[in-house]
Amino acid sequence: MPKARPYLKHGYLELDNNTAERAVKPVATSRKNWTFAGSEGGGKAMAIAFTLIETAKLNDVDPQAWLTWVLGQIADHKITRFDELLPWRYAAKAA
């Protein structure tokens, strides 16, 4: 019962981790494809790419459209304003 108390107190909490499991499933099912990423650097680059893509999906943004937009903006963009390139900002501008 003590572990269920936060769920009962805050109705937005989920009882299971199905959302996280579904997000990781494409990576887990394709694990053999990623075994030989080429190098440690290739593995890190792939992890960054997966993180960006999944973040866009979690924010209901088309990852390909968002990444295309970011790549078009990033050359002339100041590093101090990088938060303007995040998926939820893109969704607000696209709407």
PDB file of N, CA and C in Angstrom:
ATOM      1  N   MET A   1       0.800  -1.205   0.000  1.00  0.00           N
ATOM      2  CA  MET A   1       0.000   0.000   0.000  1.00  0.00           C
ATOM      3  C   MET A   1       0.848   1.277   0.000  1.00  0.00           C
ATOM      4  N   PRO A   2       1.976   1.342   0.723  1.00  0.00           N
ATOM      5  CA  PRO A   2       2.760   2.585   0.707  1.00  0.00           C
ATOM      6  C   PRO A   2       3.242   2.970  -0.690  1.00  0.00           C
ATOM      7  N   LYS A   3       3.546   2.005  -1.536  1.00  0.00           N
ATOM      8  CA  LYS A   3       4.008   2.325  -2.886  1.00  0.00           C
ATOM      9  C   LYS A   3       2.873   2.821  -3.768  1.00  0.00           C
ATOM     10  N   ALA A   4       1.640   2.506  -3.431  1.00  0.00           N
ATOM     11  CA  ALA A   4       0.488   2.950  -4.218  1.00  0.00           C
ATOM     12  C   ALA A   4       0.011   4.333  -3.797  1.00  0.00           C
ATOM     13  N   ARG A   5       0.451   4.804  -2.640  1.00  0.00           N
ATOM     14  CA  ARG A   5      -0.021   6.104  -2.157  1.00  0.00           C
ATOM     15  C   ARG A   5       0.275   7.262  -3.116  1.00  0.00           C
ATOM     16  N   PRO A   6       1.478   7.368  -3.690  1.00  0.00           N
ATOM     17  CA  PRO A   6       1.698   8.475  -4.636  1.00  0.00           C
ATOM     18  C   PRO A   6       0.735   8.422  -5.821  1.00  0.00           C
ATOM     19  N   TYR A   7       0.435   7.229  -6.291  1.00  0.00           N
ATOM     20  CA  TYR A   7      -0.501   7.096  -7.405  1.00  0.00           C
ATOM     21  C   TYR A   7      -1.886   7.576  -6.996  1.00  0.00           C
ATOM     22  N   LEU A   8      -2.309   7.204  -5.807  1.00  0.00           N
ATOM     23  CA  LEU A   8      -3.637   7.603  -5.345  1.00  0.00           C
ATOM     24  C   LEU A   8      -3.704   9.106  -5.068  1.00  0.00           C
ATOM     25  N   LYS A   9      -2.593   9.678  -4.623  1.00  0.00           N
ATOM     26  CA  LYS A   9      -2.561  11.095  -4.306  1.00  0.00           C
ATOM     27  C   LYS A   9      -2.485  11.966  -5.560  1.00  0.00           C
ATOM     28  N   HIS A  10      -1.753  11.490  -6.564  1.00  0.00           N
ATOM     29  CA  HIS A  10      -1.562  12.241  -7.809  1.00  0.00           C
ATOM     30  C   HIS A  10      -2.122  11.414  -8.967  1.00  0.00           C
ATOM     31  N   GLY A  11      -3.267  11.766  -9.459  1.00  0.00           N
ATOM     32  CA  GLY A  11      -3.935  10.988 -10.489  1.00  0.00           C
ATOM     33  C   GLY A  11      -3.229  10.947 -11.834  1.00  0.00           C
ATOM     34  N   TYR A  12      -2.266  11.821 -12.083  1.00  0.00           N
ATOM     35  CA  TYR A  12      -1.561  11.835 -13.358  1.00  0.00           C
ATOM     36  C   TYR A  12      -0.467  10.781 -13.435  1.00  0.00           C
ATOM     37  N   LEU A  13      -0.116  10.158 -12.322  1.00  0.00           N
ATOM     38  CA  LEU A  13       0.906   9.114 -12.339  1.00  0.00           C
ATOM     39  C   LEU A  13       0.339   7.825 -12.918  1.00  0.00           C
ATOM     40  N   GLU A  14       1.176   7.088 -13.626  1.00  0.00           N
ATOM     41  CA  GLU A  14       0.740   5.821 -14.214  1.00  0.00           C
ATOM     42  C   GLU A  14       1.130   4.663 -13.299  1.00  0.00           C
ATOM     43  N   LEU A  15       0.313   3.619 -13.326  1.00  0.00           N
ATOM     44  CA  LEU A  15       0.597   2.443 -12.497  1.00  0.00           C
ATOM     45  C   LEU A  15       1.682   1.557 -13.096  1.00  0.00           C
ATOM     46  N   ASP A  16       1.915   1.683 -14.377  1.00  0.00           N
ATOM     47  CA  ASP A  16       2.904   0.822 -15.028  1.00  0.00           C
ATOM     48  C   ASP A  16       3.869   1.664 -15.852  1.00  0.00           C
ATOM     49  N   ASN A  17       4.827   0.995 -16.461  1.00  0.00           N
ATOM     50  CA  ASN A  17       5.817   1.711 -17.268  1.00  0.00           C
ATOM     51  C   ASN A  17       5.663   1.385 -18.752  1.00  0.00           C
ATOM     52  N   ASN A  18       4.436   1.137 -19.190  1.00  0.00           N
ATOM     53  CA  ASN A  18       4.192   0.787 -20.593  1.00  0.00           C
ATOM     54  C   ASN A  18       4.641   1.876 -21.562  1.00  0.00           C
ATOM     55  N   THR A  19       4.485   3.135 -21.179  1.00  0.00           N
ATOM     56  CA  THR A  19       4.892   4.229 -22.065  1.00  0.00           C
ATOM     57  C   THR A  19       6.393   4.166 -22.330  1.00  0.00           C
ATOM     58  N   ALA A  20       7.171   3.960 -21.277  1.00  0.00           N
ATOM     59  CA  ALA A  20       8.629   3.857 -21.436  1.00  0.00           C
ATOM     60  C   ALA A  20       8.989   2.605 -22.229  1.00  0.00           C
ATOM     61  N   GLU A  21       8.302   1.507 -21.969  1.00  0.00           N
ATOM     62  CA  GLU A  21       8.577   0.254 -22.686  1.00  0.00           C
ATOM     63  C   GLU A  21       8.321   0.429 -24.186  1.00  0.00           C
ATOM     64  N   ARG A  22       7.230   1.096 -24.540  1.00  0.00           N
ATOM     65  CA  ARG A  22       6.916   1.310 -25.961  1.00  0.00           C
ATOM     66  C   ARG A  22       7.945   2.216 -26.626  1.00  0.00           C
ATOM     67  N   ALA A  23       8.465   3.202 -25.888  1.00  0.00           N
ATOM     68  CA  ALA A  23       9.457   4.116 -26.458  1.00  0.00           C
ATOM     69  C   ALA A  23      10.772   3.399 -26.740  1.00  0.00           C
ATOM     70  N   VAL A  24      11.124   2.422 -25.922  1.00  0.00           N
ATOM     71  CA  VAL A  24      12.407   1.722 -26.063  1.00  0.00           C
ATOM     72  C   VAL A  24      12.298   0.537 -27.018  1.00  0.00           C
ATOM     73  N   LYS A  25      11.102   0.086 -27.302  1.00  0.00           N
ATOM     74  CA  LYS A  25      10.915  -1.120 -28.109  1.00  0.00           C
ATOM     75  C   LYS A  25      11.615  -1.089 -29.468  1.00  0.00           C
ATOM     76  N   PRO A  26      11.534   0.004 -30.255  1.00  0.00           N
ATOM     77  CA  PRO A  26      12.228  -0.005 -31.549  1.00  0.00           C
ATOM     78  C   PRO A  26      13.739  -0.205 -31.416  1.00  0.00           C
ATOM     79  N   VAL A  27      14.327   0.358 -30.389  1.00  0.00           N
ATOM     80  CA  VAL A  27      15.763   0.192 -30.170  1.00  0.00           C
ATOM     81  C   VAL A  27      16.068  -1.245 -29.768  1.00  0.00           C
ATOM     82  N   ALA A  28      15.258  -1.784 -28.871  1.00  0.00           N
ATOM     83  CA  ALA A  28      15.496  -3.142 -28.381  1.00  0.00           C
ATOM     84  C   ALA A  28      15.295  -4.188 -29.478  1.00  0.00           C
ATOM     85  N   THR A  29      14.294  -4.012 -30.315  1.00  0.00           N
ATOM     86  CA  THR A  29      14.039  -5.007 -31.359  1.00  0.00           C
ATOM     87  C   THR A  29      15.070  -4.948 -32.478  1.00  0.00           C
ATOM     88  N   SER A  30      15.731  -3.810 -32.617  1.00  0.00           N
ATOM     89  CA  SER A  30      16.754  -3.665 -33.663  1.00  0.00           C
ATOM     90  C   SER A  30      18.168  -3.742 -33.105  1.00  0.00           C
ATOM     91  N   ARG A  31      18.302  -4.256 -31.905  1.00  0.00           N
ATOM     92  CA  ARG A  31      19.593  -4.257 -31.214  1.00  0.00           C
ATOM     93  C   ARG A  31      20.716  -4.875 -32.036  1.00  0.00           C
ATOM     94  N   LYS A  32      20.441  -5.958 -32.744  1.00  0.00           N
ATOM     95  CA  LYS A  32      21.487  -6.606 -33.527  1.00  0.00           C
ATOM     96  C   LYS A  32      21.983  -5.701 -34.653  1.00  0.00           C
ATOM     97  N   ASN A  33      21.123  -4.841 -35.161  1.00  0.00           N
ATOM     98  CA  ASN A  33      21.543  -3.903 -36.206  1.00  0.00           C
ATOM     99  C   ASN A  33      22.523  -2.860 -35.681  1.00  0.00           C
ATOM    100  N   TRP A  34      22.443  -2.561 -34.387  1.00  0.00           N
ATOM    101  CA  TRP A  34      23.280  -1.514 -33.810  1.00  0.00           C
ATOM    102  C   TRP A  34      24.536  -2.070 -33.142  1.00  0.00           C
ATOM    103  N   THR A  35      24.720  -3.377 -33.143  1.00  0.00           N
ATOM    104  CA  THR A  35      25.857  -3.976 -32.459  1.00  0.00           C
ATOM    105  C   THR A  35      27.177  -3.405 -32.941  1.00  0.00           C
ATOM    106  N   PHE A  36      27.309  -3.230 -34.225  1.00  0.00           N
ATOM    107  CA  PHE A  36      28.557  -2.723 -34.785  1.00  0.00           C
ATOM    108  C   PHE A  36      28.323  -1.329 -35.350  1.00  0.00           C
ATOM    109  N   ALA A  37      28.263  -0.358 -34.465  1.00  0.00           N
ATOM    110  CA  ALA A  37      28.015   1.026 -34.867  1.00  0.00           C
ATOM    111  C   ALA A  37      29.239   1.638 -35.532  1.00  0.00           C
ATOM    112  N   GLY A  38      30.334   0.916 -35.589  1.00  0.00           N
ATOM    113  CA  GLY A  38      31.538   1.398 -36.237  1.00  0.00           C
ATOM    114  C   GLY A  38      32.616   1.765 -35.241  1.00  0.00           C
ATOM    115  N   SER A  39      32.221   2.428 -34.172  1.00  0.00           N
ATOM    116  CA  SER A  39      33.186   2.839 -33.154  1.00  0.00           C
ATOM    117  C   SER A  39      32.422   3.338 -31.935  1.00  0.00           C
ATOM    118  N   GLU A  40      33.172   3.681 -30.912  1.00  0.00           N
ATOM    119  CA  GLU A  40      32.535   4.248 -29.727  1.00  0.00           C
ATOM    120  C   GLU A  40      31.874   5.578 -30.076  1.00  0.00           C
ATOM    121  N   GLY A  41      32.544   6.359 -30.911  1.00  0.00           N
ATOM    122  CA  GLY A  41      31.978   7.633 -31.349  1.00  0.00           C
ATOM    123  C   GLY A  41      30.701   7.443 -32.148  1.00  0.00           C
ATOM    124  N   GLY A  42      30.677   6.387 -32.990  1.00  0.00           N
ATOM    125  CA  GLY A  42      29.467   6.079 -33.750  1.00  0.00           C
ATOM    126  C   GLY A  42      28.318   5.702 -32.842  1.00  0.00           C
ATOM    127  N   GLY A  43      28.623   4.951 -31.793  1.00  0.00           N
ATOM    128  CA  GLY A  43      27.598   4.574 -30.814  1.00  0.00           C
ATOM    129  C   GLY A  43      27.050   5.786 -30.079  1.00  0.00           C
ATOM    130  N   LYS A  44      27.930   6.713 -29.723  1.00  0.00           N
ATOM    131  CA  LYS A  44      27.487   7.938 -29.046  1.00  0.00           C
ATOM    132  C   LYS A  44      26.635   8.791 -29.976  1.00  0.00           C
ATOM    133  N   ALA A  45      27.038   8.891 -31.238  1.00  0.00           N
ATOM    134  CA  ALA A  45      26.260   9.664 -32.217  1.00  0.00           C
ATOM    135  C   ALA A  45      24.874   9.047 -32.399  1.00  0.00           C
ATOM    136  N   MET A  46      24.818   7.717 -32.429  1.00  0.00           N
ATOM    137  CA  MET A  46      23.536   7.038 -32.578  1.00  0.00           C
ATOM    138  C   MET A  46      22.649   7.281 -31.350  1.00  0.00           C
ATOM    139  N   ALA A  47      23.241   7.270 -30.169  1.00  0.00           N
ATOM    140  CA  ALA A  47      22.479   7.532 -28.947  1.00  0.00           C
ATOM    141  C   ALA A  47      21.915   8.952 -28.955  1.00  0.00           C
ATOM    142  N   ILE A  48      22.696   9.906 -29.424  1.00  0.00           N
ATOM    143  CA  ILE A  48      22.218  11.288 -29.518  1.00  0.00           C
ATOM    144  C   ILE A  48      21.075  11.387 -30.521  1.00  0.00           C
ATOM    145  N   ALA A  49      21.224  10.720 -31.654  1.00  0.00           N
ATOM    146  CA  ALA A  49      20.164  10.742 -32.672  1.00  0.00           C
ATOM    147  C   ALA A  49      18.877  10.130 -32.136  1.00  0.00           C
ATOM    148  N   PHE A  50      18.972   8.994 -31.440  1.00  0.00           N
ATOM    149  CA  PHE A  50      17.780   8.371 -30.853  1.00  0.00           C
ATOM    150  C   PHE A  50      17.131   9.299 -29.837  1.00  0.00           C
ATOM    151  N   THR A  51      17.939   9.983 -29.035  1.00  0.00           N
ATOM    152  CA  THR A  51      17.403  10.890 -28.033  1.00  0.00           C
ATOM    153  C   THR A  51      16.639  12.032 -28.689  1.00  0.00           C
ATOM    154  N   LEU A  52      17.209  12.622 -29.730  1.00  0.00           N
ATOM    155  CA  LEU A  52      16.535  13.713 -30.432  1.00  0.00           C
ATOM    156  C   LEU A  52      15.230  13.249 -31.067  1.00  0.00           C
ATOM    157  N   ILE A  53      15.256  12.106 -31.700  1.00  0.00           N
ATOM    158  CA  ILE A  53      14.065  11.582 -32.377  1.00  0.00           C
ATOM    159  C   ILE A  53      12.970  11.260 -31.374  1.00  0.00           C
ATOM    160  N   GLU A  54      13.316  10.595 -30.289  1.00  0.00           N
ATOM    161  CA  GLU A  54      12.306  10.238 -29.288  1.00  0.00           C
ATOM    162  C   GLU A  54      11.758  11.471 -28.578  1.00  0.00           C
ATOM    163  N   THR A  55      12.592  12.481 -28.350  1.00  0.00           N
ATOM    164  CA  THR A  55      12.106  13.726 -27.742  1.00  0.00           C
ATOM    165  C   THR A  55      11.082  14.396 -28.647  1.00  0.00           C
ATOM    166  N   ALA A  56      11.355  14.407 -29.940  1.00  0.00           N
ATOM    167  CA  ALA A  56      10.392  14.979 -30.885  1.00  0.00           C
ATOM    168  C   ALA A  56       9.086  14.191 -30.869  1.00  0.00           C
ATOM    169  N   LYS A  57       9.185  12.864 -30.875  1.00  0.00           N
ATOM    170  CA  LYS A  57       7.973  12.038 -30.860  1.00  0.00           C
ATOM    171  C   LYS A  57       7.156  12.271 -29.597  1.00  0.00           C
ATOM    172  N   LEU A  58       7.823  12.375 -28.443  1.00  0.00           N
ATOM    173  CA  LEU A  58       7.115  12.602 -27.185  1.00  0.00           C
ATOM    174  C   LEU A  58       6.395  13.948 -27.157  1.00  0.00           C
ATOM    175  N   ASN A  59       6.844  14.881 -27.981  1.00  0.00           N
ATOM    176  CA  ASN A  59       6.214  16.193 -28.063  1.00  0.00           C
ATOM    177  C   ASN A  59       5.285  16.320 -29.266  1.00  0.00           C
ATOM    178  N   ASP A  60       4.908  15.191 -29.853  1.00  0.00           N
ATOM    179  CA  ASP A  60       3.998  15.144 -31.004  1.00  0.00           C
ATOM    180  C   ASP A  60       4.490  15.989 -32.175  1.00  0.00           C
ATOM    181  N   VAL A  61       5.805  15.900 -32.437  1.00  0.00           N
ATOM    182  CA  VAL A  61       6.430  16.615 -33.543  1.00  0.00           C
ATOM    183  C   VAL A  61       7.017  15.582 -34.495  1.00  0.00           C
ATOM    184  N   ASP A  62       6.840  15.801 -35.792  1.00  0.00           N
ATOM    185  CA  ASP A  62       7.428  14.918 -36.792  1.00  0.00           C
ATOM    186  C   ASP A  62       8.952  15.074 -36.724  1.00  0.00           C
ATOM    187  N   PRO A  63       9.687  14.015 -36.329  1.00  0.00           N
ATOM    188  CA  PRO A  63      11.134  14.135 -36.151  1.00  0.00           C
ATOM    189  C   PRO A  63      11.871  14.584 -37.409  1.00  0.00           C
ATOM    190  N   GLN A  64      11.486  14.079 -38.560  1.00  0.00           N
ATOM    191  CA  GLN A  64      12.183  14.444 -39.797  1.00  0.00           C
ATOM    192  C   GLN A  64      11.978  15.922 -40.120  1.00  0.00           C
ATOM    193  N   ALA A  65      10.749  16.402 -40.000  1.00  0.00           N
ATOM    194  CA  ALA A  65      10.471  17.814 -40.287  1.00  0.00           C
ATOM    195  C   ALA A  65      11.207  18.713 -39.298  1.00  0.00           C
ATOM    196  N   TRP A  66      11.200  18.332 -38.025  1.00  0.00           N
ATOM    197  CA  TRP A  66      11.865  19.148 -37.008  1.00  0.00           C
ATOM    198  C   TRP A  66      13.374  19.184 -37.226  1.00  0.00           C
ATOM    199  N   LEU A  67      13.992  18.018 -37.458  1.00  0.00           N
ATOM    200  CA  LEU A  67      15.438  17.983 -37.677  1.00  0.00           C
ATOM    201  C   LEU A  67      15.840  18.745 -38.940  1.00  0.00           C
ATOM    202  N   THR A  68      15.019  18.659 -39.983  1.00  0.00           N
ATOM    203  CA  THR A  68      15.286  19.426 -41.203  1.00  0.00           C
ATOM    204  C   THR A  68      15.242  20.918 -40.907  1.00  0.00           C
ATOM    205  N   TRP A  69      14.250  21.340 -40.144  1.00  0.00           N
ATOM    206  CA  TRP A  69      14.122  22.738 -39.764  1.00  0.00           C
ATOM    207  C   TRP A  69      15.316  23.185 -38.923  1.00  0.00           C
ATOM    208  N   VAL A  70      15.704  22.363 -37.938  1.00  0.00           N
ATOM    209  CA  VAL A  70      16.835  22.703 -37.063  1.00  0.00           C
ATOM    210  C   VAL A  70      18.122  22.832 -37.873  1.00  0.00           C
ATOM    211  N   LEU A  71      18.378  21.896 -38.766  1.00  0.00           N
ATOM    212  CA  LEU A  71      19.603  21.949 -39.564  1.00  0.00           C
ATOM    213  C   LEU A  71      19.637  23.189 -40.459  1.00  0.00           C
ATOM    214  N   GLY A  72      18.478  23.636 -40.892  1.00  0.00           N
ATOM    215  CA  GLY A  72      18.417  24.854 -41.692  1.00  0.00           C
ATOM    216  C   GLY A  72      18.627  26.114 -40.869  1.00  0.00           C
ATOM    217  N   GLN A  73      18.311  26.073 -39.580  1.00  0.00           N
ATOM    218  CA  GLN A  73      18.413  27.240 -38.700  1.00  0.00           C
ATOM    219  C   GLN A  73      19.738  27.327 -37.955  1.00  0.00           C
ATOM    220  N   ILE A  74      20.366  26.205 -37.698  1.00  0.00           N
ATOM    221  CA  ILE A  74      21.446  26.148 -36.711  1.00  0.00           C
ATOM    222  C   ILE A  74      22.710  26.903 -37.118  1.00  0.00           C
ATOM    223  N   ALA A  75      22.994  27.026 -38.393  1.00  0.00           N
ATOM    224  CA  ALA A  75      24.228  27.691 -38.838  1.00  0.00           C
ATOM    225  C   ALA A  75      24.276  29.153 -38.410  1.00  0.00           C
ATOM    226  N   ASP A  76      23.158  29.835 -38.463  1.00  0.00           N
ATOM    227  CA  ASP A  76      23.119  31.260 -38.129  1.00  0.00           C
ATOM    228  C   ASP A  76      22.534  31.529 -36.748  1.00  0.00           C
ATOM    229  N   HIS A  77      22.405  30.497 -35.943  1.00  0.00           N
ATOM    230  CA  HIS A  77      21.743  30.633 -34.642  1.00  0.00           C
ATOM    231  C   HIS A  77      22.774  30.783 -33.534  1.00  0.00           C
ATOM    232  N   LYS A  78      22.512  31.649 -32.583  1.00  0.00           N
ATOM    233  CA  LYS A  78      23.430  31.842 -31.456  1.00  0.00           C
ATOM    234  C   LYS A  78      23.270  30.706 -30.460  1.00  0.00           C
ATOM    235  N   ILE A  79      24.379  30.231 -29.928  1.00  0.00           N
ATOM    236  CA  ILE A  79      24.364  29.124 -28.979  1.00  0.00           C
ATOM    237  C   ILE A  79      23.625  29.488 -27.698  1.00  0.00           C
ATOM    238  N   THR A  80      23.607  30.759 -27.356  1.00  0.00           N
ATOM    239  CA  THR A  80      22.925  31.182 -26.133  1.00  0.00           C
ATOM    240  C   THR A  80      21.404  31.112 -26.269  1.00  0.00           C
ATOM    241  N   ARG A  81      20.915  30.976 -27.493  1.00  0.00           N
ATOM    242  CA  ARG A  81      19.471  30.879 -27.734  1.00  0.00           C
ATOM    243  C   ARG A  81      19.088  29.504 -28.278  1.00  0.00           C
ATOM    244  N   PHE A  82      19.809  28.485 -27.857  1.00  0.00           N
ATOM    245  CA  PHE A  82      19.565  27.142 -28.378  1.00  0.00           C
ATOM    246  C   PHE A  82      18.193  26.610 -28.000  1.00  0.00           C
ATOM    247  N   ASP A  83      17.622  27.099 -26.899  1.00  0.00           N
ATOM    248  CA  ASP A  83      16.296  26.635 -26.474  1.00  0.00           C
ATOM    249  C   ASP A  83      15.212  26.954 -27.500  1.00  0.00           C
ATOM    250  N   GLU A  84      15.467  27.884 -28.401  1.00  0.00           N
ATOM    251  CA  GLU A  84      14.496  28.216 -29.452  1.00  0.00           C
ATOM    252  C   GLU A  84      14.399  27.114 -30.512  1.00  0.00           C
ATOM    253  N   LEU A  85      15.347  26.172 -30.515  1.00  0.00           N
ATOM    254  CA  LEU A  85      15.358  25.103 -31.517  1.00  0.00           C
ATOM    255  C   LEU A  85      14.764  23.794 -30.998  1.00  0.00           C
ATOM    256  N   LEU A  86      14.263  23.788 -29.777  1.00  0.00           N
ATOM    257  CA  LEU A  86      13.728  22.562 -29.185  1.00  0.00           C
ATOM    258  C   LEU A  86      12.385  22.181 -29.824  1.00  0.00           C
ATOM    259  N   PRO A  87      12.026  20.898 -29.781  1.00  0.00           N
ATOM    260  CA  PRO A  87      10.816  20.430 -30.485  1.00  0.00           C
ATOM    261  C   PRO A  87       9.539  21.156 -30.096  1.00  0.00           C
ATOM    262  N   TRP A  88       9.345  21.463 -28.817  1.00  0.00           N
ATOM    263  CA  TRP A  88       8.108  22.110 -28.419  1.00  0.00           C
ATOM    264  C   TRP A  88       8.039  23.535 -28.933  1.00  0.00           C
ATOM    265  N   ARG A  89       9.173  24.190 -29.128  1.00  0.00           N
ATOM    266  CA  ARG A  89       9.186  25.519 -29.740  1.00  0.00           C
ATOM    267  C   ARG A  89       8.836  25.418 -31.223  1.00  0.00           C
ATOM    268  N   TYR A  90       9.351  24.387 -31.872  1.00  0.00           N
ATOM    269  CA  TYR A  90       9.037  24.156 -33.288  1.00  0.00           C
ATOM    270  C   TYR A  90       7.535  23.917 -33.457  1.00  0.00           C
ATOM    271  N   ALA A  91       6.965  23.111 -32.561  1.00  0.00           N
ATOM    272  CA  ALA A  91       5.524  22.816 -32.639  1.00  0.00           C
ATOM    273  C   ALA A  91       4.710  24.098 -32.482  1.00  0.00           C
ATOM    274  N   ALA A  92       5.134  24.975 -31.592  1.00  0.00           N
ATOM    275  CA  ALA A  92       4.395  26.232 -31.385  1.00  0.00           C
ATOM    276  C   ALA A  92       4.491  27.127 -32.625  1.00  0.00           C
ATOM    277  N   LYS A  93       5.660  27.152 -33.279  1.00  0.00           N
ATOM    278  CA  LYS A  93       5.824  27.983 -34.477  1.00  0.00           C
ATOM    279  C   LYS A  93       5.070  27.389 -35.670  1.00  0.00           C
ATOM    280  N   ALA A  94       5.043  26.071 -35.764  1.00  0.00           N
ATOM    281  CA  ALA A  94       4.393  25.397 -36.881  1.00  0.00           C
ATOM    282  C   ALA A  94       2.876  25.469 -36.787  1.00  0.00           C
ATOM    283  N   ALA A  95       2.359  25.641 -35.584  1.00  0.00           N
ATOM    284  CA  ALA A  95       0.893  25.651 -35.377  1.00  0.00           C
ATOM    285  C   ALA A  95       0.254  26.935 -35.801  1.00  0.00           C
TER     286      ALA A  95
END
